[in-house]
Amino acid sequence: MFPEMTLLENVLTGAGILLVAATFFCLWRAVAGPTEADRVVAINVIGTKTVVIIALVSLVFHQEFFLDVALVYALISFIATIGIAKYLEKGALE
């Protein structure tokens, strides 16, 4: 892709592009999902793929602080998934 990038960086960049494409398929499932459970799972998968994409960006650009961002995003995604599941089960966030 880029002449100054190594083979590993090219592979990681390609994997990131494939993950972004897969994320858009999950976004379609989140919008068109027939049940609420399908939508919650699709949103959770989007969050997981986003964490992996951020970690790949950290590896490609050799910036470790992106891993901190990925960890925070994973925690926020987990808490949001728990909140949505509780709301769907009980109808409230009490």
PDB file of N, CA and C in Angstrom:
ATOM      1  N   MET A   1       0.820  -1.183   0.000  1.00  0.00           N
ATOM      2  CA  MET A   1       0.000   0.000   0.000  1.00  0.00           C
ATOM      3  C   MET A   1       0.869   1.253   0.000  1.00  0.00           C
ATOM      4  N   PHE A   2       1.592   1.457   1.109  1.00  0.00           N
ATOM      5  CA  PHE A   2       2.495   2.589   1.204  1.00  0.00           C
ATOM      6  C   PHE A   2       3.924   2.060   1.202  1.00  0.00           C
ATOM      7  N   PRO A   3       4.820   2.683   0.467  1.00  0.00           N
ATOM      8  CA  PRO A   3       6.173   2.128   0.348  1.00  0.00           C
ATOM      9  C   PRO A   3       6.948   2.119   1.660  1.00  0.00           C
ATOM     10  N   GLU A   4       6.689   3.030   2.590  1.00  0.00           N
ATOM     11  CA  GLU A   4       7.456   3.073   3.823  1.00  0.00           C
ATOM     12  C   GLU A   4       6.927   2.114   4.883  1.00  0.00           C
ATOM     13  N   MET A   5       5.826   1.434   4.592  1.00  0.00           N
ATOM     14  CA  MET A   5       5.236   0.506   5.553  1.00  0.00           C
ATOM     15  C   MET A   5       5.825  -0.890   5.358  1.00  0.00           C
ATOM     16  N   THR A   6       5.980  -1.603   6.465  1.00  0.00           N
ATOM     17  CA  THR A   6       6.477  -2.970   6.392  1.00  0.00           C
ATOM     18  C   THR A   6       5.334  -3.910   6.018  1.00  0.00           C
ATOM     19  N   LEU A   7       5.680  -5.151   5.792  1.00  0.00           N
ATOM     20  CA  LEU A   7       4.673  -6.148   5.420  1.00  0.00           C
ATOM     21  C   LEU A   7       3.654  -6.328   6.542  1.00  0.00           C
ATOM     22  N   LEU A   8       4.117  -6.370   7.782  1.00  0.00           N
ATOM     23  CA  LEU A   8       3.204  -6.527   8.916  1.00  0.00           C
ATOM     24  C   LEU A   8       2.236  -5.358   9.007  1.00  0.00           C
ATOM     25  N   GLU A   9       2.726  -4.162   8.799  1.00  0.00           N
ATOM     26  CA  GLU A   9       1.842  -2.991   8.834  1.00  0.00           C
ATOM     27  C   GLU A   9       0.833  -3.028   7.699  1.00  0.00           C
ATOM     28  N   ASN A  10       1.230  -3.533   6.537  1.00  0.00           N
ATOM     29  CA  ASN A  10       0.292  -3.679   5.426  1.00  0.00           C
ATOM     30  C   ASN A  10      -0.792  -4.703   5.753  1.00  0.00           C
ATOM     31  N   VAL A  11      -0.403  -5.799   6.384  1.00  0.00           N
ATOM     32  CA  VAL A  11      -1.368  -6.834   6.756  1.00  0.00           C
ATOM     33  C   VAL A  11      -2.334  -6.282   7.808  1.00  0.00           C
ATOM     34  N   LEU A  12      -1.818  -5.565   8.784  1.00  0.00           N
ATOM     35  CA  LEU A  12      -2.677  -4.990   9.823  1.00  0.00           C
ATOM     36  C   LEU A  12      -3.621  -3.940   9.245  1.00  0.00           C
ATOM     37  N   THR A  13      -3.127  -3.162   8.304  1.00  0.00           N
ATOM     38  CA  THR A  13      -3.987  -2.169   7.652  1.00  0.00           C
ATOM     39  C   THR A  13      -5.096  -2.855   6.855  1.00  0.00           C
ATOM     40  N   GLY A  14      -4.763  -3.903   6.145  1.00  0.00           N
ATOM     41  CA  GLY A  14      -5.774  -4.665   5.407  1.00  0.00           C
ATOM     42  C   GLY A  14      -6.797  -5.296   6.337  1.00  0.00           C
ATOM     43  N   ALA A  15      -6.331  -5.823   7.464  1.00  0.00           N
ATOM     44  CA  ALA A  15      -7.258  -6.400   8.441  1.00  0.00           C
ATOM     45  C   ALA A  15      -8.187  -5.331   9.006  1.00  0.00           C
ATOM     46  N   GLY A  16      -7.652  -4.138   9.222  1.00  0.00           N
ATOM     47  CA  GLY A  16      -8.489  -3.038   9.709  1.00  0.00           C
ATOM     48  C   GLY A  16      -9.553  -2.647   8.698  1.00  0.00           C
ATOM     49  N   ILE A  17      -9.196  -2.633   7.434  1.00  0.00           N
ATOM     50  CA  ILE A  17     -10.167  -2.296   6.386  1.00  0.00           C
ATOM     51  C   ILE A  17     -11.267  -3.352   6.322  1.00  0.00           C
ATOM     52  N   LEU A  18     -10.895  -4.622   6.435  1.00  0.00           N
ATOM     53  CA  LEU A  18     -11.899  -5.687   6.447  1.00  0.00           C
ATOM     54  C   LEU A  18     -12.810  -5.587   7.673  1.00  0.00           C
ATOM     55  N   LEU A  19     -12.243  -5.234   8.816  1.00  0.00           N
ATOM     56  CA  LEU A  19     -13.057  -5.076  10.028  1.00  0.00           C
ATOM     57  C   LEU A  19     -14.031  -3.913   9.896  1.00  0.00           C
ATOM     58  N   VAL A  20     -13.599  -2.835   9.268  1.00  0.00           N
ATOM     59  CA  VAL A  20     -14.505  -1.703   9.053  1.00  0.00           C
ATOM     60  C   VAL A  20     -15.660  -2.120   8.140  1.00  0.00           C
ATOM     61  N   ALA A  21     -15.356  -2.885   7.096  1.00  0.00           N
ATOM     62  CA  ALA A  21     -16.420  -3.366   6.207  1.00  0.00           C
ATOM     63  C   ALA A  21     -17.380  -4.282   6.967  1.00  0.00           C
ATOM     64  N   ALA A  22     -16.851  -5.167   7.802  1.00  0.00           N
ATOM     65  CA  ALA A  22     -17.706  -6.055   8.592  1.00  0.00           C
ATOM     66  C   ALA A  22     -18.541  -5.265   9.592  1.00  0.00           C
ATOM     67  N   THR A  23     -18.002  -4.164  10.094  1.00  0.00           N
ATOM     68  CA  THR A  23     -18.754  -3.325  11.032  1.00  0.00           C
ATOM     69  C   THR A  23     -19.968  -2.724  10.352  1.00  0.00           C
ATOM     70  N   PHE A  24     -19.844  -2.366   9.084  1.00  0.00           N
ATOM     71  CA  PHE A  24     -21.001  -1.823   8.374  1.00  0.00           C
ATOM     72  C   PHE A  24     -22.085  -2.879   8.167  1.00  0.00           C
ATOM     73  N   PHE A  25     -21.688  -4.142   7.976  1.00  0.00           N
ATOM     74  CA  PHE A  25     -22.689  -5.206   7.912  1.00  0.00           C
ATOM     75  C   PHE A  25     -23.407  -5.370   9.249  1.00  0.00           C
ATOM     76  N   CYS A  26     -22.665  -5.241  10.342  1.00  0.00           N
ATOM     77  CA  CYS A  26     -23.291  -5.312  11.666  1.00  0.00           C
ATOM     78  C   CYS A  26     -24.208  -4.111  11.899  1.00  0.00           C
ATOM     79  N   LEU A  27     -23.822  -2.963  11.380  1.00  0.00           N
ATOM     80  CA  LEU A  27     -24.680  -1.785  11.494  1.00  0.00           C
ATOM     81  C   LEU A  27     -25.992  -2.012  10.755  1.00  0.00           C
ATOM     82  N   TRP A  28     -25.929  -2.650   9.601  1.00  0.00           N
ATOM     83  CA  TRP A  28     -27.149  -2.978   8.871  1.00  0.00           C
ATOM     84  C   TRP A  28     -28.028  -3.919   9.700  1.00  0.00           C
ATOM     85  N   ARG A  29     -27.419  -4.901  10.374  1.00  0.00           N
ATOM     86  CA  ARG A  29     -28.190  -5.826  11.200  1.00  0.00           C
ATOM     87  C   ARG A  29     -28.796  -5.094  12.396  1.00  0.00           C
ATOM     88  N   ALA A  30     -28.088  -4.118  12.935  1.00  0.00           N
ATOM     89  CA  ALA A  30     -28.620  -3.356  14.069  1.00  0.00           C
ATOM     90  C   ALA A  30     -29.825  -2.528  13.661  1.00  0.00           C
ATOM     91  N   VAL A  31     -29.846  -2.053  12.436  1.00  0.00           N
ATOM     92  CA  VAL A  31     -30.975  -1.253  11.952  1.00  0.00           C
ATOM     93  C   VAL A  31     -32.127  -2.155  11.529  1.00  0.00           C
ATOM     94  N   ALA A  32     -31.833  -3.236  10.814  1.00  0.00           N
ATOM     95  CA  ALA A  32     -32.881  -4.069  10.223  1.00  0.00           C
ATOM     96  C   ALA A  32     -33.217  -5.306  11.045  1.00  0.00           C
ATOM     97  N   GLY A  33     -32.557  -5.494  12.189  1.00  0.00           N
ATOM     98  CA  GLY A  33     -32.777  -6.704  12.971  1.00  0.00           C
ATOM     99  C   GLY A  33     -34.234  -6.917  13.326  1.00  0.00           C
ATOM    100  N   PRO A  34     -34.740  -8.144  13.186  1.00  0.00           N
ATOM    101  CA  PRO A  34     -36.161  -8.363  13.447  1.00  0.00           C
ATOM    102  C   PRO A  34     -36.533  -8.280  14.928  1.00  0.00           C
ATOM    103  N   THR A  35     -35.600  -8.564  15.821  1.00  0.00           N
ATOM    104  CA  THR A  35     -35.913  -8.498  17.253  1.00  0.00           C
ATOM    105  C   THR A  35     -34.949  -7.560  17.960  1.00  0.00           C
ATOM    106  N   GLU A  36     -35.322  -7.207  19.185  1.00  0.00           N
ATOM    107  CA  GLU A  36     -34.450  -6.336  19.974  1.00  0.00           C
ATOM    108  C   GLU A  36     -33.149  -7.042  20.340  1.00  0.00           C
ATOM    109  N   ALA A  37     -33.227  -8.359  20.569  1.00  0.00           N
ATOM    110  CA  ALA A  37     -32.018  -9.114  20.904  1.00  0.00           C
ATOM    111  C   ALA A  37     -31.013  -9.083  19.755  1.00  0.00           C
ATOM    112  N   ASP A  38     -31.497  -9.181  18.525  1.00  0.00           N
ATOM    113  CA  ASP A  38     -30.603  -9.091  17.369  1.00  0.00           C
ATOM    114  C   ASP A  38     -29.916  -7.732  17.320  1.00  0.00           C
ATOM    115  N   ARG A  39     -30.651  -6.704  17.622  1.00  0.00           N
ATOM    116  CA  ARG A  39     -30.079  -5.351  17.600  1.00  0.00           C
ATOM    117  C   ARG A  39     -29.031  -5.176  18.692  1.00  0.00           C
ATOM    118  N   VAL A  40     -29.309  -5.706  19.889  1.00  0.00           N
ATOM    119  CA  VAL A  40     -28.344  -5.580  20.991  1.00  0.00           C
ATOM    120  C   VAL A  40     -27.069  -6.338  20.668  1.00  0.00           C
ATOM    121  N   VAL A  41     -27.200  -7.540  20.129  1.00  0.00           N
ATOM    122  CA  VAL A  41     -26.011  -8.318  19.775  1.00  0.00           C
ATOM    123  C   VAL A  41     -25.221  -7.614  18.680  1.00  0.00           C
ATOM    124  N   ALA A  42     -25.895  -7.052  17.695  1.00  0.00           N
ATOM    125  CA  ALA A  42     -25.198  -6.342  16.617  1.00  0.00           C
ATOM    126  C   ALA A  42     -24.456  -5.123  17.150  1.00  0.00           C
ATOM    127  N   ILE A  43     -25.074  -4.396  18.069  1.00  0.00           N
ATOM    128  CA  ILE A  43     -24.406  -3.231  18.652  1.00  0.00           C
ATOM    129  C   ILE A  43     -23.206  -3.661  19.491  1.00  0.00           C
ATOM    130  N   ASN A  44     -23.340  -4.778  20.199  1.00  0.00           N
ATOM    131  CA  ASN A  44     -22.218  -5.289  20.982  1.00  0.00           C
ATOM    132  C   ASN A  44     -21.067  -5.719  20.072  1.00  0.00           C
ATOM    133  N   VAL A  45     -21.380  -6.338  18.954  1.00  0.00           N
ATOM    134  CA  VAL A  45     -20.341  -6.745  17.999  1.00  0.00           C
ATOM    135  C   VAL A  45     -19.663  -5.522  17.398  1.00  0.00           C
ATOM    136  N   ILE A  46     -20.437  -4.473  17.130  1.00  0.00           N
ATOM    137  CA  ILE A  46     -19.840  -3.235  16.623  1.00  0.00           C
ATOM    138  C   ILE A  46     -18.850  -2.667  17.640  1.00  0.00           C
ATOM    139  N   GLY A  47     -19.220  -2.686  18.914  1.00  0.00           N
ATOM    140  CA  GLY A  47     -18.311  -2.199  19.954  1.00  0.00           C
ATOM    141  C   GLY A  47     -17.042  -3.025  20.026  1.00  0.00           C
ATOM    142  N   THR A  48     -17.176  -4.342  19.919  1.00  0.00           N
ATOM    143  CA  THR A  48     -16.006  -5.216  19.967  1.00  0.00           C
ATOM    144  C   THR A  48     -15.092  -4.983  18.764  1.00  0.00           C
ATOM    145  N   LYS A  49     -15.677  -4.861  17.589  1.00  0.00           N
ATOM    146  CA  LYS A  49     -14.870  -4.595  16.388  1.00  0.00           C
ATOM    147  C   LYS A  49     -14.176  -3.239  16.475  1.00  0.00           C
ATOM    148  N   THR A  50     -14.843  -2.272  17.077  1.00  0.00           N
ATOM    149  CA  THR A  50     -14.240  -0.955  17.226  1.00  0.00           C
ATOM    150  C   THR A  50     -13.016  -1.024  18.140  1.00  0.00           C
ATOM    151  N   VAL A  51     -13.107  -1.799  19.206  1.00  0.00           N
ATOM    152  CA  VAL A  51     -11.959  -1.965  20.102  1.00  0.00           C
ATOM    153  C   VAL A  51     -10.792  -2.607  19.349  1.00  0.00           C
ATOM    154  N   VAL A  52     -11.066  -3.610  18.541  1.00  0.00           N
ATOM    155  CA  VAL A  52     -10.010  -4.271  17.773  1.00  0.00           C
ATOM    156  C   VAL A  52      -9.411  -3.315  16.743  1.00  0.00           C
ATOM    157  N   ILE A  53     -10.245  -2.509  16.098  1.00  0.00           N
ATOM    158  CA  ILE A  53      -9.739  -1.546  15.120  1.00  0.00           C
ATOM    159  C   ILE A  53      -8.834  -0.519  15.796  1.00  0.00           C
ATOM    160  N   ILE A  54      -9.223  -0.047  16.973  1.00  0.00           N
ATOM    161  CA  ILE A  54      -8.379   0.911  17.697  1.00  0.00           C
ATOM    162  C   ILE A  54      -7.054   0.263  18.079  1.00  0.00           C
ATOM    163  N   ALA A  55      -7.090  -1.013  18.485  1.00  0.00           N
ATOM    164  CA  ALA A  55      -5.839  -1.713  18.817  1.00  0.00           C
ATOM    165  C   ALA A  55      -4.960  -1.868  17.573  1.00  0.00           C
ATOM    166  N   LEU A  56      -5.563  -2.141  16.422  1.00  0.00           N
ATOM    167  CA  LEU A  56      -4.775  -2.228  15.187  1.00  0.00           C
ATOM    168  C   LEU A  56      -4.157  -0.878  14.824  1.00  0.00           C
ATOM    169  N   VAL A  57      -4.899   0.185  15.018  1.00  0.00           N
ATOM    170  CA  VAL A  57      -4.348   1.527  14.773  1.00  0.00           C
ATOM    171  C   VAL A  57      -3.152   1.769  15.684  1.00  0.00           C
ATOM    172  N   SER A  58      -3.259   1.311  16.933  1.00  0.00           N
ATOM    173  CA  SER A  58      -2.140   1.452  17.866  1.00  0.00           C
ATOM    174  C   SER A  58      -0.907   0.710  17.366  1.00  0.00           C
ATOM    175  N   LEU A  59      -1.103  -0.478  16.827  1.00  0.00           N
ATOM    176  CA  LEU A  59       0.034  -1.242  16.326  1.00  0.00           C
ATOM    177  C   LEU A  59       0.640  -0.612  15.070  1.00  0.00           C
ATOM    178  N   VAL A  60      -0.196  -0.152  14.171  1.00  0.00           N
ATOM    179  CA  VAL A  60       0.303   0.398  12.909  1.00  0.00           C
ATOM    180  C   VAL A  60       1.078   1.692  13.142  1.00  0.00           C
ATOM    181  N   PHE A  61       0.546   2.552  14.011  1.00  0.00           N
ATOM    182  CA  PHE A  61       1.191   3.854  14.227  1.00  0.00           C
ATOM    183  C   PHE A  61       2.169   3.871  15.397  1.00  0.00           C
ATOM    184  N   HIS A  62       2.346   2.727  16.068  1.00  0.00           N
ATOM    185  CA  HIS A  62       3.283   2.605  17.186  1.00  0.00           C
ATOM    186  C   HIS A  62       2.991   3.630  18.287  1.00  0.00           C
ATOM    187  N   GLN A  63       1.717   3.798  18.610  1.00  0.00           N
ATOM    188  CA  GLN A  63       1.288   4.725  19.655  1.00  0.00           C
ATOM    189  C   GLN A  63       0.524   3.935  20.713  1.00  0.00           C
ATOM    190  N   GLU A  64       1.149   3.767  21.883  1.00  0.00           N
ATOM    191  CA  GLU A  64       0.558   2.931  22.918  1.00  0.00           C
ATOM    192  C   GLU A  64      -0.664   3.561  23.574  1.00  0.00           C
ATOM    193  N   PHE A  65      -0.815   4.870  23.519  1.00  0.00           N
ATOM    194  CA  PHE A  65      -1.951   5.491  24.188  1.00  0.00           C
ATOM    195  C   PHE A  65      -3.275   5.109  23.540  1.00  0.00           C
ATOM    196  N   PHE A  66      -3.248   4.650  22.296  1.00  0.00           N
ATOM    197  CA  PHE A  66      -4.477   4.166  21.671  1.00  0.00           C
ATOM    198  C   PHE A  66      -5.017   2.930  22.382  1.00  0.00           C
ATOM    199  N   LEU A  67      -4.128   2.146  23.004  1.00  0.00           N
ATOM    200  CA  LEU A  67      -4.584   0.983  23.759  1.00  0.00           C
ATOM    201  C   LEU A  67      -5.382   1.413  24.986  1.00  0.00           C
ATOM    202  N   ASP A  68      -5.000   2.523  25.604  1.00  0.00           N
ATOM    203  CA  ASP A  68      -5.791   3.058  26.715  1.00  0.00           C
ATOM    204  C   ASP A  68      -7.174   3.476  26.232  1.00  0.00           C
ATOM    205  N   VAL A  69      -7.218   4.089  25.068  1.00  0.00           N
ATOM    206  CA  VAL A  69      -8.505   4.485  24.483  1.00  0.00           C
ATOM    207  C   VAL A  69      -9.346   3.251  24.205  1.00  0.00           C
ATOM    208  N   ALA A  70      -8.731   2.182  23.700  1.00  0.00           N
ATOM    209  CA  ALA A  70      -9.460   0.947  23.410  1.00  0.00           C
ATOM    210  C   ALA A  70     -10.025   0.328  24.690  1.00  0.00           C
ATOM    211  N   LEU A  71      -9.251   0.356  25.767  1.00  0.00           N
ATOM    212  CA  LEU A  71      -9.742  -0.189  27.032  1.00  0.00           C
ATOM    213  C   LEU A  71     -10.922   0.613  27.568  1.00  0.00           C
ATOM    214  N   VAL A  72     -10.835   1.913  27.503  1.00  0.00           N
ATOM    215  CA  VAL A  72     -11.945   2.748  27.973  1.00  0.00           C
ATOM    216  C   VAL A  72     -13.175   2.513  27.109  1.00  0.00           C
ATOM    217  N   TYR A  73     -12.987   2.411  25.810  1.00  0.00           N
ATOM    218  CA  TYR A  73     -14.117   2.162  24.916  1.00  0.00           C
ATOM    219  C   TYR A  73     -14.743   0.803  25.202  1.00  0.00           C
ATOM    220  N   ALA A  74     -13.919  -0.208  25.498  1.00  0.00           N
ATOM    221  CA  ALA A  74     -14.444  -1.536  25.821  1.00  0.00           C
ATOM    222  C   ALA A  74     -15.270  -1.496  27.097  1.00  0.00           C
ATOM    223  N   LEU A  75     -14.809  -0.766  28.105  1.00  0.00           N
ATOM    224  CA  LEU A  75     -15.566  -0.649  29.351  1.00  0.00           C
ATOM    225  C   LEU A  75     -16.896   0.063  29.134  1.00  0.00           C
ATOM    226  N   ILE A  76     -16.879   1.141  28.363  1.00  0.00           N
ATOM    227  CA  ILE A  76     -18.120   1.872  28.091  1.00  0.00           C
ATOM    228  C   ILE A  76     -19.087   1.001  27.292  1.00  0.00           C
ATOM    229  N   SER A  77     -18.569   0.258  26.318  1.00  0.00           N
ATOM    230  CA  SER A  77     -19.413  -0.624  25.522  1.00  0.00           C
ATOM    231  C   SER A  77     -20.025  -1.726  26.384  1.00  0.00           C
ATOM    232  N   PHE A  78     -19.257  -2.274  27.304  1.00  0.00           N
ATOM    233  CA  PHE A  78     -19.766  -3.319  28.196  1.00  0.00           C
ATOM    234  C   PHE A  78     -20.869  -2.773  29.098  1.00  0.00           C
ATOM    235  N   ILE A  79     -20.642  -1.618  29.685  1.00  0.00           N
ATOM    236  CA  ILE A  79     -21.657  -1.021  30.570  1.00  0.00           C
ATOM    237  C   ILE A  79     -22.925  -0.690  29.780  1.00  0.00           C
ATOM    238  N   ALA A  80     -22.780  -0.195  28.566  1.00  0.00           N
ATOM    239  CA  ALA A  80     -23.947   0.111  27.740  1.00  0.00           C
ATOM    240  C   ALA A  80     -24.724  -1.154  27.397  1.00  0.00           C
ATOM    241  N   THR A  81     -24.023  -2.241  27.099  1.00  0.00           N
ATOM    242  CA  THR A  81     -24.694  -3.496  26.781  1.00  0.00           C
ATOM    243  C   THR A  81     -25.453  -4.025  27.988  1.00  0.00           C
ATOM    244  N   ILE A  82     -24.858  -3.950  29.159  1.00  0.00           N
ATOM    245  CA  ILE A  82     -25.541  -4.392  30.383  1.00  0.00           C
ATOM    246  C   ILE A  82     -26.774  -3.529  30.631  1.00  0.00           C
ATOM    247  N   GLY A  83     -26.648  -2.225  30.444  1.00  0.00           N
ATOM    248  CA  GLY A  83     -27.787  -1.329  30.644  1.00  0.00           C
ATOM    249  C   GLY A  83     -28.923  -1.611  29.672  1.00  0.00           C
ATOM    250  N   ILE A  84     -28.591  -1.841  28.418  1.00  0.00           N
ATOM    251  CA  ILE A  84     -29.622  -2.124  27.417  1.00  0.00           C
ATOM    252  C   ILE A  84     -30.299  -3.457  27.719  1.00  0.00           C
ATOM    253  N   ALA A  85     -29.515  -4.468  28.101  1.00  0.00           N
ATOM    254  CA  ALA A  85     -30.096  -5.770  28.423  1.00  0.00           C
ATOM    255  C   ALA A  85     -31.030  -5.669  29.632  1.00  0.00           C
ATOM    256  N   LYS A  86     -30.623  -4.906  30.644  1.00  0.00           N
ATOM    257  CA  LYS A  86     -31.464  -4.733  31.819  1.00  0.00           C
ATOM    258  C   LYS A  86     -32.750  -3.978  31.455  1.00  0.00           C
ATOM    259  N   TYR A  87     -32.641  -2.986  30.601  1.00  0.00           N
ATOM    260  CA  TYR A  87     -33.809  -2.235  30.181  1.00  0.00           C
ATOM    261  C   TYR A  87     -34.774  -3.128  29.396  1.00  0.00           C
ATOM    262  N   LEU A  88     -34.253  -3.964  28.522  1.00  0.00           N
ATOM    263  CA  LEU A  88     -35.109  -4.848  27.749  1.00  0.00           C
ATOM    264  C   LEU A  88     -35.771  -5.905  28.625  1.00  0.00           C
ATOM    265  N   GLU A  89     -35.082  -6.329  29.665  1.00  0.00           N
ATOM    266  CA  GLU A  89     -35.637  -7.363  30.540  1.00  0.00           C
ATOM    267  C   GLU A  89     -36.695  -6.818  31.485  1.00  0.00           C
ATOM    268  N   LYS A  90     -36.401  -5.686  32.135  1.00  0.00           N
ATOM    269  CA  LYS A  90     -37.304  -5.159  33.167  1.00  0.00           C
ATOM    270  C   LYS A  90     -38.127  -3.960  32.721  1.00  0.00           C
ATOM    271  N   GLY A  91     -37.765  -3.322  31.649  1.00  0.00           N
ATOM    272  CA  GLY A  91     -38.501  -2.152  31.193  1.00  0.00           C
ATOM    273  C   GLY A  91     -38.066  -0.873  31.866  1.00  0.00           C
ATOM    274  N   ALA A  92     -37.077  -0.936  32.749  1.00  0.00           N
ATOM    275  CA  ALA A  92     -36.569   0.258  33.434  1.00  0.00           C
ATOM    276  C   ALA A  92     -35.132   0.009  33.854  1.00  0.00           C
ATOM    277  N   LEU A  93     -34.434   1.080  34.185  1.00  0.00           N
ATOM    278  CA  LEU A  93     -33.035   0.959  34.630  1.00  0.00           C
ATOM    279  C   LEU A  93     -32.921   1.171  36.139  1.00  0.00           C
ATOM    280  N   GLU A  94     -33.828   0.622  36.892  1.00  0.00           N
ATOM    281  CA  GLU A  94     -33.804   0.776  38.353  1.00  0.00           C
ATOM    282  C   GLU A  94     -32.897  -0.202  39.012  1.00  0.00           C
TER     283      GLU A  94
END
